[in-house]
Amino acid sequence: MKKDIFDITIIGAGPVGLFTGFYAGLRQAKFKIIDSLEKVGGQPRYLYPEKNIYDIPAFEVIKGDQLANNLLHQLDRFDYDLCLGQEIGQINRQEDLYQLISLNGDIHWTRSIILAVGNGAFNPKKLSLEGAEDFEGQNLNYYVQPISYYHNREVVILGGGDSAVDWALELEKVAQKVTIIHRRDKFRAMESSVNKLKVSSVEIITPYVPESLIGQDGRLEQLVIKEARGNQTRQIPLDELIVNYGFSSSMGSIRHWGMDIERNSICVNADLETSRPGIFAVGDIANYPGKVKLIVTGFGEAPQAVNNALLYINPANVQPPLHSSDLL
């Protein structure tokens, strides 16, 4: 029995999914948000809750956890359904409705769908050294702990991307010493961040790669590193090792939902509609020529997807975009 039918069901409760819900509320749509995780906020909340984010308009700087909290609070003015801990396994078409079936057997009914699933399920790229698993969860971690945890500790970071550089700069404020090790001389981070790193107290060791681990009783004590193109080795003492090689993502069930997919992204047209009518995609999962994968890009796509979803539901509902002050 079709108990509750929604105008728009948003799959994904990361920053873009939450803002998509907010705009759906502005348009007075009946909407639901579903996410496989147990908390809202997506990667910023799970992977870097205390990392500074600099590319959100009107915020000089905001942390991942704070961004999620602000977006969730923004939704408080609307009545909506939030279903967490539910991974959608199937999407079936039945007459003019879509039926969403979660892996635990729950069924959701909706007139349209907006996918805001980021890059899909994500897992850290792990350190491939013998014995690494013995120290994981102790003082070898792929996720950064609360900042205060590193007070007066010697921290070593492996990686050369934005996250590794940003964390090195952030932990410099509380740690006794921070060392960043990268396999190349050139970092793959924003130029402004790399410039700050070069004038900071963070020790930069390049181009070196991890060679082996030394420790006992489940605690890592030293990291042995080796020249990327040589034979020289060094032993680096440490209290904490953070491996920041990025994350691998998986589209999981999404691949079987009947949409055109290219390079782990869903192809969309100018209306952000997928190859299945009534199913739209926003944020990192959406692919079109010239796409820039930033949170702010997804924020801009959200109103367009909502407006087109409502137009799909009712082709007579041709309403020009309005300012939020006109909609509230």
C-alpha atoms as a PDB file:
ATOM      1  CA  MET A   1       0.000   0.000   0.000  1.00  0.00           C
ATOM      2  CA  LYS A   2       1.289   3.427  -0.937  1.00  0.00           C
ATOM      3  CA  LYS A   3       1.195   5.133   2.456  1.00  0.00           C
ATOM      4  CA  ASP A   4       2.926   8.410   1.796  1.00  0.00           C
ATOM      5  CA  ILE A   5       3.770   9.910  -1.555  1.00  0.00           C
ATOM      6  CA  PHE A   6       6.369  12.704  -1.751  1.00  0.00           C
ATOM      7  CA  ASP A   7       6.878  15.262  -4.487  1.00  0.00           C
ATOM      8  CA  ILE A   8      10.657  15.012  -4.256  1.00  0.00           C
ATOM      9  CA  THR A   9      12.829  12.410  -2.574  1.00  0.00           C
ATOM     10  CA  ILE A  10      16.468  13.425  -2.145  1.00  0.00           C
ATOM     11  CA  ILE A  11      18.974  10.592  -1.841  1.00  0.00           C
ATOM     12  CA  GLY A  12      21.988  11.874   0.049  1.00  0.00           C
ATOM     13  CA  ALA A  13      22.152  13.986   3.206  1.00  0.00           C
ATOM     14  CA  GLY A  14      25.496  15.645   2.612  1.00  0.00           C
ATOM     15  CA  PRO A  15      25.777  19.436   2.288  1.00  0.00           C
ATOM     16  CA  VAL A  16      24.319  19.512  -1.240  1.00  0.00           C
ATOM     17  CA  GLY A  17      21.496  17.126  -0.354  1.00  0.00           C
ATOM     18  CA  LEU A  18      20.548  19.197   2.706  1.00  0.00           C
ATOM     19  CA  PHE A  19      20.494  22.430   0.715  1.00  0.00           C
ATOM     20  CA  THR A  20      18.457  20.726  -2.011  1.00  0.00           C
ATOM     21  CA  GLY A  21      15.910  19.889   0.674  1.00  0.00           C
ATOM     22  CA  PHE A  22      15.916  23.476   1.872  1.00  0.00           C
ATOM     23  CA  TYR A  23      15.141  24.813  -1.588  1.00  0.00           C
ATOM     24  CA  ALA A  24      12.444  22.162  -2.058  1.00  0.00           C
ATOM     25  CA  GLY A  25      10.901  23.506   1.127  1.00  0.00           C
ATOM     26  CA  LEU A  26      11.072  27.043  -0.222  1.00  0.00           C
ATOM     27  CA  ARG A  27       9.108  25.835  -3.243  1.00  0.00           C
ATOM     28  CA  GLN A  28       6.576  24.275  -0.835  1.00  0.00           C
ATOM     29  CA  ALA A  29       7.254  20.793  -2.135  1.00  0.00           C
ATOM     30  CA  LYS A  30       6.597  17.758   0.026  1.00  0.00           C
ATOM     31  CA  PHE A  31      10.055  16.240   0.338  1.00  0.00           C
ATOM     32  CA  LYS A  32      12.012  13.476   2.006  1.00  0.00           C
ATOM     33  CA  ILE A  33      15.778  13.021   2.491  1.00  0.00           C
ATOM     34  CA  ILE A  34      17.310   9.529   2.652  1.00  0.00           C
ATOM     35  CA  ASP A  35      20.921   8.621   3.476  1.00  0.00           C
ATOM     36  CA  SER A  36      22.767   5.357   4.103  1.00  0.00           C
ATOM     37  CA  LEU A  37      24.837   6.921   6.895  1.00  0.00           C
ATOM     38  CA  GLU A  38      23.646   7.354  10.463  1.00  0.00           C
ATOM     39  CA  LYS A  39      24.317  11.096  10.546  1.00  0.00           C
ATOM     40  CA  VAL A  40      23.732  13.914   8.099  1.00  0.00           C
ATOM     41  CA  GLY A  41      26.608  15.929   6.673  1.00  0.00           C
ATOM     42  CA  GLY A  42      28.294  13.502   4.295  1.00  0.00           C
ATOM     43  CA  GLN A  43      32.050  13.569   3.796  1.00  0.00           C
ATOM     44  CA  PRO A  44      32.708  16.932   5.522  1.00  0.00           C
ATOM     45  CA  ARG A  45      31.196  15.609   8.753  1.00  0.00           C
ATOM     46  CA  TYR A  46      32.587  12.079   8.589  1.00  0.00           C
ATOM     47  CA  LEU A  47      36.015  12.694   7.079  1.00  0.00           C
ATOM     48  CA  TYR A  48      37.056  16.163   8.233  1.00  0.00           C
ATOM     49  CA  PRO A  49      34.624  17.549  10.847  1.00  0.00           C
ATOM     50  CA  GLU A  50      37.233  19.951  12.228  1.00  0.00           C
ATOM     51  CA  LYS A  51      38.909  20.832   8.953  1.00  0.00           C
ATOM     52  CA  ASN A  52      38.590  24.427   7.792  1.00  0.00           C
ATOM     53  CA  ILE A  53      36.604  24.933   4.572  1.00  0.00           C
ATOM     54  CA  TYR A  54      37.276  28.196   2.759  1.00  0.00           C
ATOM     55  CA  ASP A  55      35.105  28.087  -0.373  1.00  0.00           C
ATOM     56  CA  ILE A  56      31.612  28.531   1.109  1.00  0.00           C
ATOM     57  CA  PRO A  57      30.249  31.996   0.179  1.00  0.00           C
ATOM     58  CA  ALA A  58      29.723  34.440   3.074  1.00  0.00           C
ATOM     59  CA  PHE A  59      31.867  32.289   5.403  1.00  0.00           C
ATOM     60  CA  GLU A  60      35.503  33.286   5.610  1.00  0.00           C
ATOM     61  CA  VAL A  61      36.099  29.883   7.129  1.00  0.00           C
ATOM     62  CA  ILE A  62      33.802  27.139   8.403  1.00  0.00           C
ATOM     63  CA  LYS A  63      34.486  23.638   9.704  1.00  0.00           C
ATOM     64  CA  GLY A  64      32.892  20.545   8.185  1.00  0.00           C
ATOM     65  CA  ASP A  65      30.851  19.734  11.280  1.00  0.00           C
ATOM     66  CA  GLN A  66      29.624  23.313  11.629  1.00  0.00           C
ATOM     67  CA  LEU A  67      28.604  23.418   7.970  1.00  0.00           C
ATOM     68  CA  ALA A  68      26.465  20.291   8.425  1.00  0.00           C
ATOM     69  CA  ASN A  69      24.877  21.690  11.601  1.00  0.00           C
ATOM     70  CA  ASN A  70      24.061  25.005   9.911  1.00  0.00           C
ATOM     71  CA  LEU A  71      22.432  23.313   6.930  1.00  0.00           C
ATOM     72  CA  LEU A  72      20.401  21.033   9.187  1.00  0.00           C
ATOM     73  CA  HIS A  73      19.279  23.999  11.288  1.00  0.00           C
ATOM     74  CA  GLN A  74      18.269  25.809   8.097  1.00  0.00           C
ATOM     75  CA  LEU A  75      15.798  22.993   7.433  1.00  0.00           C
ATOM     76  CA  ASP A  76      14.040  23.449  10.782  1.00  0.00           C
ATOM     77  CA  ARG A  77      11.443  25.805   9.287  1.00  0.00           C
ATOM     78  CA  PHE A  78      10.010  22.964   7.158  1.00  0.00           C
ATOM     79  CA  ASP A  79       8.171  19.721   7.851  1.00  0.00           C
ATOM     80  CA  TYR A  80       9.959  16.904   6.061  1.00  0.00           C
ATOM     81  CA  ASP A  81      10.949  13.267   6.496  1.00  0.00           C
ATOM     82  CA  LEU A  82      14.567  12.312   7.234  1.00  0.00           C
ATOM     83  CA  CYS A  83      15.478   8.640   6.909  1.00  0.00           C
ATOM     84  CA  LEU A  84      19.016   7.754   8.007  1.00  0.00           C
ATOM     85  CA  GLY A  85      20.789   4.420   7.931  1.00  0.00           C
ATOM     86  CA  GLN A  86      18.917   3.366   4.792  1.00  0.00           C
ATOM     87  CA  GLU A  87      20.722   2.441   1.610  1.00  0.00           C
ATOM     88  CA  ILE A  88      18.497   2.376  -1.449  1.00  0.00           C
ATOM     89  CA  GLY A  89      18.944  -0.837  -3.434  1.00  0.00           C
ATOM     90  CA  GLN A  90      16.295  -0.540  -6.134  1.00  0.00           C
ATOM     91  CA  ILE A  91      14.376   2.177  -7.948  1.00  0.00           C
ATOM     92  CA  ASN A  92      11.323   0.938  -9.822  1.00  0.00           C
ATOM     93  CA  ARG A  93       8.878   2.827 -12.021  1.00  0.00           C
ATOM     94  CA  GLN A  94       5.189   2.219 -11.322  1.00  0.00           C
ATOM     95  CA  GLU A  95       2.802   4.278 -13.431  1.00  0.00           C
ATOM     96  CA  ASP A  96       3.557   7.945 -12.598  1.00  0.00           C
ATOM     97  CA  LEU A  97       5.490   7.170  -9.406  1.00  0.00           C
ATOM     98  CA  TYR A  98       8.890   5.880  -8.415  1.00  0.00           C
ATOM     99  CA  GLN A  99       9.215   3.141  -5.825  1.00  0.00           C
ATOM    100  CA  LEU A 100      12.440   3.168  -3.787  1.00  0.00           C
ATOM    101  CA  ILE A 101      13.311  -0.030  -1.938  1.00  0.00           C
ATOM    102  CA  SER A 102      16.008   0.095   0.741  1.00  0.00           C
ATOM    103  CA  LEU A 103      18.280  -2.841   1.546  1.00  0.00           C
ATOM    104  CA  ASN A 104      16.413  -3.342   4.831  1.00  0.00           C
ATOM    105  CA  GLY A 105      13.112  -3.690   2.957  1.00  0.00           C
ATOM    106  CA  ASP A 106      11.575  -0.265   3.584  1.00  0.00           C
ATOM    107  CA  ILE A 107       9.630   1.179   0.645  1.00  0.00           C
ATOM    108  CA  HIS A 108       9.365   4.853  -0.295  1.00  0.00           C
ATOM    109  CA  TRP A 109       7.072   6.415  -2.912  1.00  0.00           C
ATOM    110  CA  THR A 110       7.852   9.608  -4.748  1.00  0.00           C
ATOM    111  CA  ARG A 111       6.944  11.562  -7.858  1.00  0.00           C
ATOM    112  CA  SER A 112      10.536  12.598  -8.569  1.00  0.00           C
ATOM    113  CA  ILE A 113      14.043  11.907  -7.282  1.00  0.00           C
ATOM    114  CA  ILE A 114      17.122  14.075  -6.851  1.00  0.00           C
ATOM    115  CA  LEU A 115      20.395  12.211  -6.351  1.00  0.00           C
ATOM    116  CA  ALA A 116      22.904  14.050  -4.159  1.00  0.00           C
ATOM    117  CA  VAL A 117      25.132  11.138  -3.239  1.00  0.00           C
ATOM    118  CA  GLY A 118      28.518  12.793  -3.744  1.00  0.00           C
ATOM    119  CA  ASN A 119      30.988  10.206  -4.996  1.00  0.00           C
ATOM    120  CA  GLY A 120      29.055   7.323  -3.496  1.00  0.00           C
ATOM    121  CA  ALA A 121      30.253   5.173  -0.614  1.00  0.00           C
ATOM    122  CA  PHE A 122      33.768   6.135   0.455  1.00  0.00           C
ATOM    123  CA  ASN A 123      36.635   4.297   2.126  1.00  0.00           C
ATOM    124  CA  PRO A 124      40.172   5.470   2.924  1.00  0.00           C
ATOM    125  CA  LYS A 125      43.094   4.374   0.772  1.00  0.00           C
ATOM    126  CA  LYS A 126      45.148   2.437   3.282  1.00  0.00           C
ATOM    127  CA  LEU A 127      48.858   2.189   3.940  1.00  0.00           C
ATOM    128  CA  SER A 128      50.165  -0.915   2.182  1.00  0.00           C
ATOM    129  CA  LEU A 129      52.975  -1.816   4.558  1.00  0.00           C
ATOM    130  CA  GLU A 130      53.467  -5.075   6.405  1.00  0.00           C
ATOM    131  CA  GLY A 131      51.964  -4.907   9.877  1.00  0.00           C
ATOM    132  CA  ALA A 132      50.052  -1.665   9.273  1.00  0.00           C
ATOM    133  CA  GLU A 133      46.779  -3.254  10.382  1.00  0.00           C
ATOM    134  CA  ASP A 134      48.332  -3.934  13.807  1.00  0.00           C
ATOM    135  CA  PHE A 135      48.506  -0.191  14.494  1.00  0.00           C
ATOM    136  CA  GLU A 136      45.260   0.901  12.840  1.00  0.00           C
ATOM    137  CA  GLY A 137      42.842   2.405  15.305  1.00  0.00           C
ATOM    138  CA  GLN A 138      45.679   2.971  17.790  1.00  0.00           C
ATOM    139  CA  ASN A 139      48.043   5.698  16.609  1.00  0.00           C
ATOM    140  CA  LEU A 140      47.819   4.980  12.881  1.00  0.00           C
ATOM    141  CA  ASN A 141      44.671   6.587  11.579  1.00  0.00           C
ATOM    142  CA  TYR A 142      43.022   7.507   8.289  1.00  0.00           C
ATOM    143  CA  TYR A 143      40.593   9.916   9.932  1.00  0.00           C
ATOM    144  CA  VAL A 144      41.698  12.883  11.994  1.00  0.00           C
ATOM    145  CA  GLN A 145      40.670  12.900  15.643  1.00  0.00           C
ATOM    146  CA  PRO A 146      39.390  16.054  17.410  1.00  0.00           C
ATOM    147  CA  ILE A 147      42.111  18.703  17.317  1.00  0.00           C
ATOM    148  CA  SER A 148      42.642  18.680  21.096  1.00  0.00           C
ATOM    149  CA  TYR A 149      43.667  15.014  20.865  1.00  0.00           C
ATOM    150  CA  TYR A 150      46.978  16.046  19.253  1.00  0.00           C
ATOM    151  CA  HIS A 151      47.998  18.539  21.925  1.00  0.00           C
ATOM    152  CA  ASN A 152      51.776  18.345  22.530  1.00  0.00           C
ATOM    153  CA  ARG A 153      52.164  15.259  20.337  1.00  0.00           C
ATOM    154  CA  GLU A 154      54.569  14.567  17.484  1.00  0.00           C
ATOM    155  CA  VAL A 155      52.390  14.052  14.438  1.00  0.00           C
ATOM    156  CA  VAL A 156      53.465  12.679  11.066  1.00  0.00           C
ATOM    157  CA  ILE A 157      51.206  13.108   8.033  1.00  0.00           C
ATOM    158  CA  LEU A 158      51.559  11.104   4.829  1.00  0.00           C
ATOM    159  CA  GLY A 159      50.116  12.740   1.718  1.00  0.00           C
ATOM    160  CA  GLY A 160      50.432  15.689  -0.610  1.00  0.00           C
ATOM    161  CA  GLY A 161      46.903  16.812  -1.423  1.00  0.00           C
ATOM    162  CA  ASP A 162      44.717  19.573  -0.027  1.00  0.00           C
ATOM    163  CA  SER A 163      43.588  17.590   3.014  1.00  0.00           C
ATOM    164  CA  ALA A 164      47.128  16.600   4.025  1.00  0.00           C
ATOM    165  CA  VAL A 165      48.422  20.154   3.722  1.00  0.00           C
ATOM    166  CA  ASP A 166      45.399  21.690   5.440  1.00  0.00           C
ATOM    167  CA  TRP A 167      45.655  19.255   8.345  1.00  0.00           C
ATOM    168  CA  ALA A 168      49.369  19.914   8.730  1.00  0.00           C
ATOM    169  CA  LEU A 169      48.655  23.645   9.056  1.00  0.00           C
ATOM    170  CA  GLU A 170      45.758  23.070  11.435  1.00  0.00           C
ATOM    171  CA  LEU A 171      47.597  20.621  13.715  1.00  0.00           C
ATOM    172  CA  GLU A 172      50.649  22.882  13.823  1.00  0.00           C
ATOM    173  CA  LYS A 173      48.636  25.052  16.229  1.00  0.00           C
ATOM    174  CA  VAL A 174      48.361  22.359  18.916  1.00  0.00           C
ATOM    175  CA  ALA A 175      50.951  19.649  18.262  1.00  0.00           C
ATOM    176  CA  GLN A 176      54.482  19.650  19.612  1.00  0.00           C
ATOM    177  CA  LYS A 177      55.743  18.935  16.108  1.00  0.00           C
ATOM    178  CA  VAL A 178      54.163  18.221  12.717  1.00  0.00           C
ATOM    179  CA  THR A 179      55.967  16.502   9.859  1.00  0.00           C
ATOM    180  CA  ILE A 180      54.494  16.031   6.399  1.00  0.00           C
ATOM    181  CA  ILE A 181      55.967  13.446   4.035  1.00  0.00           C
ATOM    182  CA  HIS A 182      55.164  13.312   0.330  1.00  0.00           C
ATOM    183  CA  ARG A 183      56.492  11.139  -2.482  1.00  0.00           C
ATOM    184  CA  ARG A 184      56.933  14.134  -4.783  1.00  0.00           C
ATOM    185  CA  ASP A 185      58.624  17.509  -4.384  1.00  0.00           C
ATOM    186  CA  LYS A 186      55.492  19.261  -5.592  1.00  0.00           C
ATOM    187  CA  PHE A 187      52.297  19.173  -3.535  1.00  0.00           C
ATOM    188  CA  ARG A 188      48.866  18.730  -5.150  1.00  0.00           C
ATOM    189  CA  ALA A 189      47.223  21.322  -2.906  1.00  0.00           C
ATOM    190  CA  MET A 190      46.011  24.886  -3.402  1.00  0.00           C
ATOM    191  CA  GLU A 191      48.928  27.229  -4.046  1.00  0.00           C
ATOM    192  CA  SER A 192      47.972  29.513  -1.154  1.00  0.00           C
ATOM    193  CA  SER A 193      47.997  26.577   1.279  1.00  0.00           C
ATOM    194  CA  VAL A 194      51.342  25.305  -0.001  1.00  0.00           C
ATOM    195  CA  ASN A 195      52.831  28.780   0.435  1.00  0.00           C
ATOM    196  CA  LYS A 196      51.615  28.858   4.043  1.00  0.00           C
ATOM    197  CA  LEU A 197      53.079  25.407   4.603  1.00  0.00           C
ATOM    198  CA  LYS A 198      56.503  26.490   3.363  1.00  0.00           C
ATOM    199  CA  VAL A 199      56.730  29.344   5.874  1.00  0.00           C
ATOM    200  CA  SER A 200      55.251  27.354   8.773  1.00  0.00           C
ATOM    201  CA  SER A 201      57.052  25.314  11.418  1.00  0.00           C
ATOM    202  CA  VAL A 202      55.896  22.072   9.780  1.00  0.00           C
ATOM    203  CA  GLU A 203      58.818  19.905   8.705  1.00  0.00           C
ATOM    204  CA  ILE A 204      58.506  19.041   5.016  1.00  0.00           C
ATOM    205  CA  ILE A 205      60.186  15.854   3.828  1.00  0.00           C
ATOM    206  CA  THR A 206      60.106  15.171   0.080  1.00  0.00           C
ATOM    207  CA  PRO A 207      60.411  13.140  -2.078  1.00  0.00           C
ATOM    208  CA  TYR A 208      60.150  10.185   0.308  1.00  0.00           C
ATOM    209  CA  VAL A 209      57.867   7.158   0.618  1.00  0.00           C
ATOM    210  CA  PRO A 210      57.082   4.985   3.673  1.00  0.00           C
ATOM    211  CA  GLU A 211      59.263   1.887   3.862  1.00  0.00           C
ATOM    212  CA  SER A 212      58.377   0.106   7.124  1.00  0.00           C
ATOM    213  CA  LEU A 213      56.849   0.527  10.583  1.00  0.00           C
ATOM    214  CA  ILE A 214      58.492   0.103  13.966  1.00  0.00           C
ATOM    215  CA  GLY A 215      56.468  -0.342  17.130  1.00  0.00           C
ATOM    216  CA  GLN A 216      55.346  -2.706  19.845  1.00  0.00           C
ATOM    217  CA  ASP A 217      52.255  -3.614  21.852  1.00  0.00           C
ATOM    218  CA  GLY A 218      49.986  -2.119  19.200  1.00  0.00           C
ATOM    219  CA  ARG A 219      51.651   1.299  19.307  1.00  0.00           C
ATOM    220  CA  LEU A 220      53.613   2.697  16.403  1.00  0.00           C
ATOM    221  CA  GLU A 221      56.847   4.365  17.487  1.00  0.00           C
ATOM    222  CA  GLN A 222      58.774   5.124  14.302  1.00  0.00           C
ATOM    223  CA  LEU A 223      58.173   5.349  10.582  1.00  0.00           C
ATOM    224  CA  VAL A 224      60.987   4.313   8.271  1.00  0.00           C
ATOM    225  CA  ILE A 225      60.957   6.287   5.038  1.00  0.00           C
ATOM    226  CA  LYS A 226      63.010   5.910   1.865  1.00  0.00           C
ATOM    227  CA  GLU A 227      63.947   8.246  -0.961  1.00  0.00           C
ATOM    228  CA  ALA A 228      61.459   7.959  -3.813  1.00  0.00           C
ATOM    229  CA  ARG A 229      64.325   7.713  -6.307  1.00  0.00           C
ATOM    230  CA  GLY A 230      67.228   6.615  -4.161  1.00  0.00           C
ATOM    231  CA  ASN A 231      68.337   4.321  -1.395  1.00  0.00           C
ATOM    232  CA  GLN A 232      68.701   6.702   1.545  1.00  0.00           C
ATOM    233  CA  THR A 233      66.423   5.918   4.486  1.00  0.00           C
ATOM    234  CA  ARG A 234      65.406   7.833   7.605  1.00  0.00           C
ATOM    235  CA  GLN A 235      63.652   6.882  10.818  1.00  0.00           C
ATOM    236  CA  ILE A 236      61.011   9.368  11.973  1.00  0.00           C
ATOM    237  CA  PRO A 237      59.870   9.128  15.606  1.00  0.00           C
ATOM    238  CA  LEU A 238      56.202   9.861  16.177  1.00  0.00           C
ATOM    239  CA  ASP A 239      53.272   9.770  18.549  1.00  0.00           C
ATOM    240  CA  GLU A 240      50.601   9.782  15.832  1.00  0.00           C
ATOM    241  CA  LEU A 241      50.611   8.843  12.155  1.00  0.00           C
ATOM    242  CA  ILE A 242      47.890  10.186   9.873  1.00  0.00           C
ATOM    243  CA  VAL A 243      47.678   8.588   6.440  1.00  0.00           C
ATOM    244  CA  ASN A 244      45.976  10.997   4.056  1.00  0.00           C
ATOM    245  CA  TYR A 245      46.116   9.313   0.664  1.00  0.00           C
ATOM    246  CA  GLY A 246      42.525  10.144  -0.152  1.00  0.00           C
ATOM    247  CA  PHE A 247      39.479   7.948  -0.416  1.00  0.00           C
ATOM    248  CA  SER A 248      38.176   5.486  -2.946  1.00  0.00           C
ATOM    249  CA  SER A 249      34.490   5.631  -3.721  1.00  0.00           C
ATOM    250  CA  SER A 250      31.996   3.118  -5.010  1.00  0.00           C
ATOM    251  CA  MET A 251      28.694   3.776  -6.747  1.00  0.00           C
ATOM    252  CA  GLY A 252      27.298   0.524  -5.372  1.00  0.00           C
ATOM    253  CA  SER A 253      23.654  -0.063  -6.301  1.00  0.00           C
ATOM    254  CA  ILE A 254      23.509   3.181  -8.309  1.00  0.00           C
ATOM    255  CA  ARG A 255      25.090   1.388 -11.265  1.00  0.00           C
ATOM    256  CA  HIS A 256      21.987  -0.781 -11.545  1.00  0.00           C
ATOM    257  CA  TRP A 257      19.406   2.010 -11.554  1.00  0.00           C
ATOM    258  CA  GLY A 258      19.288   2.300 -15.339  1.00  0.00           C
ATOM    259  CA  MET A 259      20.967   5.692 -15.837  1.00  0.00           C
ATOM    260  CA  ASP A 260      23.785   6.654 -18.190  1.00  0.00           C
ATOM    261  CA  ILE A 261      27.069   6.599 -16.252  1.00  0.00           C
ATOM    262  CA  GLU A 262      30.478   7.880 -17.255  1.00  0.00           C
ATOM    263  CA  ARG A 263      33.627   7.739 -15.099  1.00  0.00           C
ATOM    264  CA  ASN A 264      31.752   6.964 -11.886  1.00  0.00           C
ATOM    265  CA  SER A 265      29.416   9.910 -12.413  1.00  0.00           C
ATOM    266  CA  ILE A 266      25.839  10.151 -13.658  1.00  0.00           C
ATOM    267  CA  CYS A 267      25.344  11.948 -16.955  1.00  0.00           C
ATOM    268  CA  VAL A 268      22.785  14.757 -16.803  1.00  0.00           C
ATOM    269  CA  ASN A 269      21.396  17.219 -19.336  1.00  0.00           C
ATOM    270  CA  ALA A 270      21.066  20.997 -19.051  1.00  0.00           C
ATOM    271  CA  ASP A 271      18.101  20.506 -16.685  1.00  0.00           C
ATOM    272  CA  LEU A 272      20.241  18.226 -14.461  1.00  0.00           C
ATOM    273  CA  GLU A 273      17.943  15.354 -15.443  1.00  0.00           C
ATOM    274  CA  THR A 274      19.427  11.881 -15.874  1.00  0.00           C
ATOM    275  CA  SER A 275      18.571   9.496 -18.689  1.00  0.00           C
ATOM    276  CA  ARG A 276      15.604   8.343 -16.579  1.00  0.00           C
ATOM    277  CA  PRO A 277      12.814  10.956 -16.692  1.00  0.00           C
ATOM    278  CA  GLY A 278      12.016  12.433 -13.309  1.00  0.00           C
ATOM    279  CA  ILE A 279      15.361  11.478 -11.777  1.00  0.00           C
ATOM    280  CA  PHE A 280      17.811  14.369 -11.394  1.00  0.00           C
ATOM    281  CA  ALA A 281      21.359  14.566 -10.013  1.00  0.00           C
ATOM    282  CA  VAL A 282      23.305  17.341  -8.292  1.00  0.00           C
ATOM    283  CA  GLY A 283      26.712  17.722  -6.690  1.00  0.00           C
ATOM    284  CA  ASP A 284      29.764  15.571  -7.379  1.00  0.00           C
ATOM    285  CA  ILE A 285      27.743  12.641  -8.744  1.00  0.00           C
ATOM    286  CA  ALA A 286      26.354  14.771 -11.616  1.00  0.00           C
ATOM    287  CA  ASN A 287      28.454  14.941 -14.775  1.00  0.00           C
ATOM    288  CA  TYR A 288      28.219  17.405 -17.655  1.00  0.00           C
ATOM    289  CA  PRO A 289      30.756  19.277 -19.805  1.00  0.00           C
ATOM    290  CA  GLY A 290      32.755  21.810 -17.805  1.00  0.00           C
ATOM    291  CA  LYS A 291      31.622  20.500 -14.406  1.00  0.00           C
ATOM    292  CA  VAL A 292      33.631  21.829 -11.426  1.00  0.00           C
ATOM    293  CA  LYS A 293      33.337  19.505  -8.438  1.00  0.00           C
ATOM    294  CA  LEU A 294      32.990  21.870  -5.489  1.00  0.00           C
ATOM    295  CA  ILE A 295      30.382  22.063  -2.723  1.00  0.00           C
ATOM    296  CA  VAL A 296      29.393  25.514  -3.923  1.00  0.00           C
ATOM    297  CA  THR A 297      28.731  24.130  -7.427  1.00  0.00           C
ATOM    298  CA  GLY A 298      26.280  21.637  -5.943  1.00  0.00           C
ATOM    299  CA  PHE A 299      24.584  24.428  -3.994  1.00  0.00           C
ATOM    300  CA  GLY A 300      24.004  26.244  -7.288  1.00  0.00           C
ATOM    301  CA  GLU A 301      22.645  23.107  -8.972  1.00  0.00           C
ATOM    302  CA  ALA A 302      20.128  22.388  -6.206  1.00  0.00           C
ATOM    303  CA  PRO A 303      17.531  25.087  -7.098  1.00  0.00           C
ATOM    304  CA  GLN A 304      17.724  24.185 -10.770  1.00  0.00           C
ATOM    305  CA  ALA A 305      17.086  20.495 -10.050  1.00  0.00           C
ATOM    306  CA  VAL A 306      14.205  21.275  -7.671  1.00  0.00           C
ATOM    307  CA  ASN A 307      12.546  23.652 -10.145  1.00  0.00           C
ATOM    308  CA  ASN A 308      12.850  21.123 -12.963  1.00  0.00           C
ATOM    309  CA  ALA A 309      11.605  18.276 -10.749  1.00  0.00           C
ATOM    310  CA  LEU A 310       8.479  20.274  -9.941  1.00  0.00           C
ATOM    311  CA  LEU A 311       8.028  21.084 -13.621  1.00  0.00           C
ATOM    312  CA  TYR A 312       8.331  17.375 -14.410  1.00  0.00           C
ATOM    313  CA  ILE A 313       5.612  16.593 -11.857  1.00  0.00           C
ATOM    314  CA  ASN A 314       3.320  19.294 -13.222  1.00  0.00           C
ATOM    315  CA  PRO A 315       4.250  20.725 -16.654  1.00  0.00           C
ATOM    316  CA  ALA A 316       1.775  23.565 -16.029  1.00  0.00           C
ATOM    317  CA  ASN A 317       3.794  24.638 -12.984  1.00  0.00           C
ATOM    318  CA  VAL A 318       5.897  27.109 -14.933  1.00  0.00           C
ATOM    319  CA  GLN A 319       7.159  29.488 -12.274  1.00  0.00           C
ATOM    320  CA  PRO A 320      10.166  31.710 -12.902  1.00  0.00           C
ATOM    321  CA  PRO A 321      12.956  31.526 -10.307  1.00  0.00           C
ATOM    322  CA  LEU A 322      12.209  33.813  -7.381  1.00  0.00           C
ATOM    323  CA  HIS A 323      14.268  35.303  -4.599  1.00  0.00           C
ATOM    324  CA  SER A 324      13.985  33.503  -1.254  1.00  0.00           C
ATOM    325  CA  SER A 325      12.340  36.597   0.262  1.00  0.00           C
ATOM    326  CA  ASP A 326       9.493  36.063  -2.223  1.00  0.00           C
ATOM    327  CA  LEU A 327       9.139  32.383  -1.408  1.00  0.00           C
ATOM    328  CA  LEU A 328       9.065  32.478   2.405  1.00  0.00           C
END
